[in-house]
Amino acid sequence: MRSLAVQQLPPDLEEALVKVGADIRRARIRRGITQEDLAKRAMVNRKTIIQMEKGSPEVGMGILLRTLNVLGIDERFKDLASPELDKVGQALEARKLPNRASKPKRLADMLKKGRK
């Protein structure tokens, strides 16, 4: 049974998964690798590769990453949610930063006690 989160995937994310699946298929074919061979190398069954290439949201991230690694196209995965590339997160964080730096209370208290 499909989880509620998978059932309610927004259309733009469904399209993105279909594109990722098609890209994986193209990478596999370019390398002359069969679905069966890719499945063996990624330690899954052929059905999982077929689901992945169709853009199924039910394929796990670990399996996806292992498949990308087998194909040699996993280098960007580690930066997928990188804080350095998160413009919205950076803007929100910048709004919350204090105008000046101050010592944490505990450290300040410890320093005061040390001076006595």
Foldseek 3Di string as FASTA:
>chain_A
DDDPCQVPPDPVLQVVLQVQLCVLVVLCVVVVHDLQRLCVQLVHHSVLNVCSNRRRPPRDPSSVLSSCVVSPNNVCVVCPPPPVPPPVVVVVVVVPDDPDDDDPPVVVVVVVVVVD
